[in-house]
Amino acid sequence: MTHTLVLDRSYGLDDLFALTLNRYPLARKKKKTIRVSDTTSLVWNPSANEATIEVPMHRDGGPSEIPDGFGFDTAFPNGVPAGEEREILEFALNAVRRLGGKVVTDTGHELAPHQFMQPSLHVIAAYELAPKDLLEIVQKIVKESELVGEPEGFPYMISAPIFAHADLVVEATTLEEDIPAIEHVEWVKEGAALYTVAYRPDDPSSLVAENPEKPQIREWREAYLGCSAVARAIWDETGGFVLDYENFLVNPNELF
């Protein structure tokens, strides 16, 4: 089964491979092919600036009752992708979200998630900030920020209203999951702090949309600017890594 990942002309195979390693650390590039696994490959066509996604087809029944935000229900009316096919398609959608472009499915449907959809960011650091210290950092960006409850240490949360219907939330916890992009780093293996800077609207379904209206895009952008400023301020204090919502590495110097 083949789908097509079309990249913005500003980027190419090396950029795609760098993102691939974030999700698939064992991926290998040989000439114009990125081998993700024994059964999944991205075959690069330089003249079209696109990669053919070669993966076994695996479809799971009919469309879901709940829209997924990616547009899979529309693109695959006879059964949405599952298993390895779903995984590589979600990777491809995140690649075009980060680099620009679109995914063209085998059914001919074009999927192009907006770059500011899901504006939350993660900061992975080697040490824990005390609640009052993190609050001081966040209040420099959003003065109305306040601690939730009366925490003495990890875990804890800071909340700040940024819209009438949405908050910017910073959750300070201990990193529990393995993140492929950084799992090889020794201090991460030994234990790290996770600061999640999240945009929390009253209606969580507004975080994703296949065809967002202009007001929604403006809100996502403003939310990303807020999350970006806070994440950068935390990183300036702690160092470490910044990742996006889907755990792809972000260059802190490119944050707004």
Foldseek 3Di string as FASTA:
>chain_A
DKKKQAFDPVDADVLLVLQLCQQQVPWDDDDQKIRRDPAWIWGADVVRRMTIIGHDFDFDAAADPDDPLQCQNVQGGGGGGDDPVVVVVVSSQVSCLCGNTWMQGPSRDTFHWHVLQFLKKKFKFLDFDFPVVLQVLLCVLAVQKDWDDDDGGPWTKIWGDDDPFKIWMKTKHKDDDQRSNCNVPVSVVVTIIMIMTGIGGNDVVLSGHRDDDPVSVVVSVVSNLSNLSSSLSVCVVGPGFMAGPVRGTDDNVPGD
